[in-house]
Protein backbone atom coordinates (compact mmCIF):
# COMPACT_ATOMS: atom_id res chain seq x y z
CA MET A 1 56.26 14.12 -57.19
CA LYS A 2 56.88 13.75 -53.49
CA SER A 3 55.58 10.67 -51.61
CA PHE A 4 55.71 9.15 -48.15
CA THR A 5 58.22 6.48 -47.28
CA LEU A 6 57.15 3.16 -45.81
CA VAL A 7 58.65 4.12 -42.44
CA GLU A 8 56.63 7.35 -42.33
CA ILE A 9 53.40 5.47 -43.13
CA LEU A 10 54.14 2.87 -40.43
CA ILE A 11 54.81 5.62 -37.87
CA VAL A 12 51.48 7.30 -38.71
CA ILE A 13 49.59 3.98 -38.46
CA VAL A 14 51.21 3.06 -35.13
CA THR A 15 50.50 6.54 -33.76
CA LEU A 16 46.88 6.31 -34.93
CA PHE A 17 46.46 2.91 -33.24
CA LEU A 18 47.96 4.26 -30.01
CA VAL A 19 45.63 7.27 -29.99
CA VAL A 20 42.56 5.12 -30.76
CA GLY A 21 43.68 2.60 -28.08
CA VAL A 22 44.04 5.31 -25.44
CA ILE A 23 40.61 6.76 -26.32
CA TYR A 24 38.99 3.29 -26.23
CA ALA A 25 40.63 2.46 -22.87
CA GLY A 26 39.34 5.75 -21.45
CA TYR A 27 35.86 4.98 -22.75
CA ILE A 28 35.87 1.47 -21.21
CA LEU A 29 37.15 2.87 -17.90
CA SER A 30 34.41 5.51 -17.79
CA GLN A 31 31.76 2.86 -18.61
CA ARG A 32 32.95 0.68 -15.72
CA ALA A 33 32.95 3.64 -13.35
CA TYR A 34 29.43 4.56 -14.47
CA GLU A 35 28.17 0.99 -13.95
CA GLU A 36 29.75 0.78 -10.49
CA GLY A 37 28.23 4.13 -9.59
CA GLU A 38 24.82 2.89 -10.72
CA ILE A 39 25.15 -0.24 -8.58
CA SER A 40 26.17 1.83 -5.55
CA ALA A 41 23.25 4.20 -6.09
CA GLU A 42 20.82 1.27 -6.47
CA LEU A 43 22.06 -0.35 -3.25
CA THR A 44 21.86 2.90 -1.31
CA GLN A 45 18.39 3.68 -2.69
CA ASN A 46 17.18 0.16 -1.91
CA ALA A 47 18.48 0.38 1.68
CA ARG A 48 16.96 3.84 2.12
CA VAL A 49 13.53 2.69 0.91
CA ILE A 50 13.65 -0.38 3.17
CA LEU A 51 14.60 1.62 6.24
CA GLU A 52 12.08 4.36 5.48
CA ARG A 53 9.22 1.86 5.26
CA MET A 54 10.28 -0.08 8.34
CA THR A 55 10.81 3.02 10.46
CA ARG A 56 7.44 4.50 9.46
CA GLU A 57 5.60 1.32 10.44
CA ILE A 58 7.59 0.67 13.63
CA ARG A 59 7.05 4.28 14.78
CA GLN A 60 3.30 3.75 14.56
CA ALA A 61 3.34 0.25 16.10
CA ARG A 62 0.92 -0.29 18.96
CA GLU A 63 3.09 -3.02 20.47
CA ILE A 64 6.36 -4.77 19.63
CA VAL A 65 5.80 -8.53 19.81
CA THR A 66 9.40 -9.62 19.21
CA GLU A 67 11.56 -9.45 22.30
CA LEU A 68 14.64 -7.67 21.00
CA PRO A 69 18.06 -8.18 22.58
CA VAL A 70 19.90 -5.22 24.11
CA SER A 71 23.10 -5.54 22.10
CA MET A 72 24.02 -5.68 18.44
CA ALA A 73 26.02 -8.86 19.06
CA ASP A 74 22.78 -10.72 19.89
CA ALA A 75 20.62 -8.91 17.30
CA LEU A 76 17.79 -10.65 15.45
CA ASN A 77 17.06 -10.63 11.71
CA HIS A 78 13.27 -10.31 12.12
CA ILE A 79 10.69 -8.25 13.97
CA GLU A 80 6.95 -8.52 14.57
CA PHE A 81 4.72 -5.74 15.85
CA GLU A 82 1.07 -4.74 15.97
CA ASP A 83 0.13 -2.57 13.01
CA GLY A 84 -0.60 0.99 14.14
CA HIS A 85 -1.81 2.16 10.72
CA SER A 86 -4.64 -0.32 10.35
CA ALA A 87 -8.11 0.34 11.70
CA GLU A 88 -8.31 -3.40 12.33
CA ARG A 89 -7.07 -4.41 15.75
CA TYR A 90 -4.69 -7.31 16.21
CA HIS A 91 -3.06 -7.25 12.78
CA TYR A 92 0.66 -7.90 13.13
CA ILE A 93 3.39 -6.93 10.68
CA HIS A 94 6.31 -9.32 10.41
CA TYR A 95 9.56 -8.28 8.69
CA PHE A 96 12.16 -10.98 8.11
CA GLN A 97 15.25 -11.70 6.05
CA GLU A 98 15.08 -14.68 3.67
CA ASP A 99 17.23 -15.67 0.68
CA GLY A 100 18.88 -12.26 0.26
CA GLU A 101 15.58 -10.40 0.49
CA LEU A 102 13.69 -8.49 3.14
CA LYS A 103 10.10 -9.71 3.28
CA ARG A 104 6.97 -8.31 4.92
CA GLU A 105 3.83 -10.17 5.83
CA VAL A 106 0.74 -9.34 7.86
CA LYS A 107 -0.75 -11.93 10.17
CA ALA A 108 -3.26 -12.28 12.97
CA TYR A 109 -3.93 -14.68 15.83
CA TYR A 110 -7.16 -16.46 16.73
CA PHE A 111 -8.43 -19.23 18.96
CA VAL A 112 -8.84 -22.53 17.10
CA GLY A 113 -12.54 -22.98 16.37
CA ASN A 114 -13.16 -19.22 16.32
CA GLU A 115 -11.31 -18.22 13.13
CA GLY A 116 -13.34 -15.06 12.49
CA THR A 117 -12.31 -13.30 15.68
CA PHE A 118 -8.74 -12.08 16.02
CA VAL A 119 -7.15 -11.84 19.45
CA PRO A 120 -3.90 -10.36 20.80
CA TRP A 121 -0.78 -12.41 20.07
CA ASN A 122 -0.38 -13.23 23.78
CA ALA A 123 -4.04 -14.04 24.48
CA VAL A 124 -4.66 -17.07 26.67
CA PRO A 125 -6.99 -19.54 24.97
CA PRO A 126 -9.90 -21.06 26.86
CA LEU A 127 -9.12 -24.21 28.81
CA GLY A 128 -8.04 -26.92 26.37
CA GLY A 129 -7.98 -24.49 23.44
CA GLU A 130 -5.13 -23.39 21.24
CA ILE A 131 -4.08 -20.15 19.62
CA ALA A 132 -3.33 -20.23 15.89
CA GLU A 133 -1.90 -17.86 13.28
CA ALA A 134 -3.65 -16.61 10.13
CA VAL A 135 -1.83 -14.93 7.26
CA ILE A 136 -3.70 -11.76 6.25
CA GLU A 137 -1.16 -10.67 3.59
CA GLU A 138 1.29 -13.15 2.08
CA ALA A 139 5.00 -12.40 2.43
CA LYS A 140 6.10 -9.87 -0.19
CA THR A 141 9.59 -8.69 -1.01
CA VAL A 142 10.36 -5.20 0.28
CA GLY A 143 14.04 -5.11 -0.72
CA GLU A 144 16.75 -7.14 -2.43
CA PHE A 145 20.49 -7.79 -2.06
CA ILE A 146 20.22 -8.11 1.76
CA VAL A 147 23.24 -9.83 3.27
CA ASP A 148 22.61 -8.80 6.87
CA LEU A 149 19.72 -7.42 8.90
CA LYS A 150 20.07 -6.78 12.62
CA LEU A 151 17.47 -5.46 15.03
CA TRP A 152 18.07 -4.77 18.70
CA THR A 153 17.17 -2.27 21.37
CA SER A 154 19.77 -0.08 23.02
CA GLU A 155 17.59 2.19 25.12
CA ILE A 156 14.07 2.27 26.48
CA ARG A 157 11.63 2.39 23.54
CA MET A 158 14.48 2.79 21.04
CA ILE A 159 14.94 0.20 18.28
CA ASP A 160 18.17 0.03 16.30
CA ILE A 161 18.31 -1.38 12.78
CA PHE A 162 21.44 -2.25 10.82
CA ILE A 163 21.10 -3.33 7.21
CA ALA A 164 23.84 -4.46 4.81
CA LEU A 165 23.26 -4.88 1.09
CA GLU A 166 25.67 -6.29 -1.46
CA GLU A 167 25.67 -6.67 -5.23
CA GLY A 168 28.80 -7.86 -6.93
CA LYS A 169 31.70 -6.20 -5.14
CA LYS A 170 29.69 -3.18 -4.01
CA GLN A 171 28.29 -2.92 -0.49
CA ALA A 172 26.03 -0.49 1.34
CA ASN A 173 25.61 -0.44 5.12
CA LEU A 174 23.06 1.70 6.93
CA LEU A 175 22.26 2.05 10.61
CA THR A 176 19.32 3.87 12.14
CA SER A 177 17.50 4.19 15.46
CA ILE A 178 13.73 4.43 15.82
CA PHE A 179 11.75 5.89 18.66
CA GLY A 180 8.27 4.34 18.74
CA ARG A 181 5.57 6.98 19.20
CA ASN A 182 2.87 4.66 20.45
CA LEU A 183 4.94 2.30 22.56
């Protein structure tokens, strides 16, 4: 009867462990690559949705309230404009960056003592009166993982937006320019 020697059995066991180790390492590596790809896709999708919503609303804006600087170096991280989609006049959309999120709120302006009637943001109150702000829609999160938001104007009626998102070690940066139709 022929049998295996101890050395032969040890060689087979070591070879088996090496093969299983290589397969397991390949599996772990592919899992990490998949997870990183998912994070990159999520960041890119989040940035795309944010920019798509902002550009749609800014394009339809009746008036930009925020005075935007003319260079990226002086860019702001917020913008306010009169809603062009709403049938209601003098509703203003305000986008702003806060705690790693992009938020959107809708507000209106009125003269103190006349809360039911909204007026333009730059309306001059009657002598001795004051203009106040009413929140129509509370601030809601539009996007997450925001590390930088910059808005500026580079040409007449052109608004530039730069947005940077980051999760873990992954980053997504997008830049777009918007031409307002109603401005």
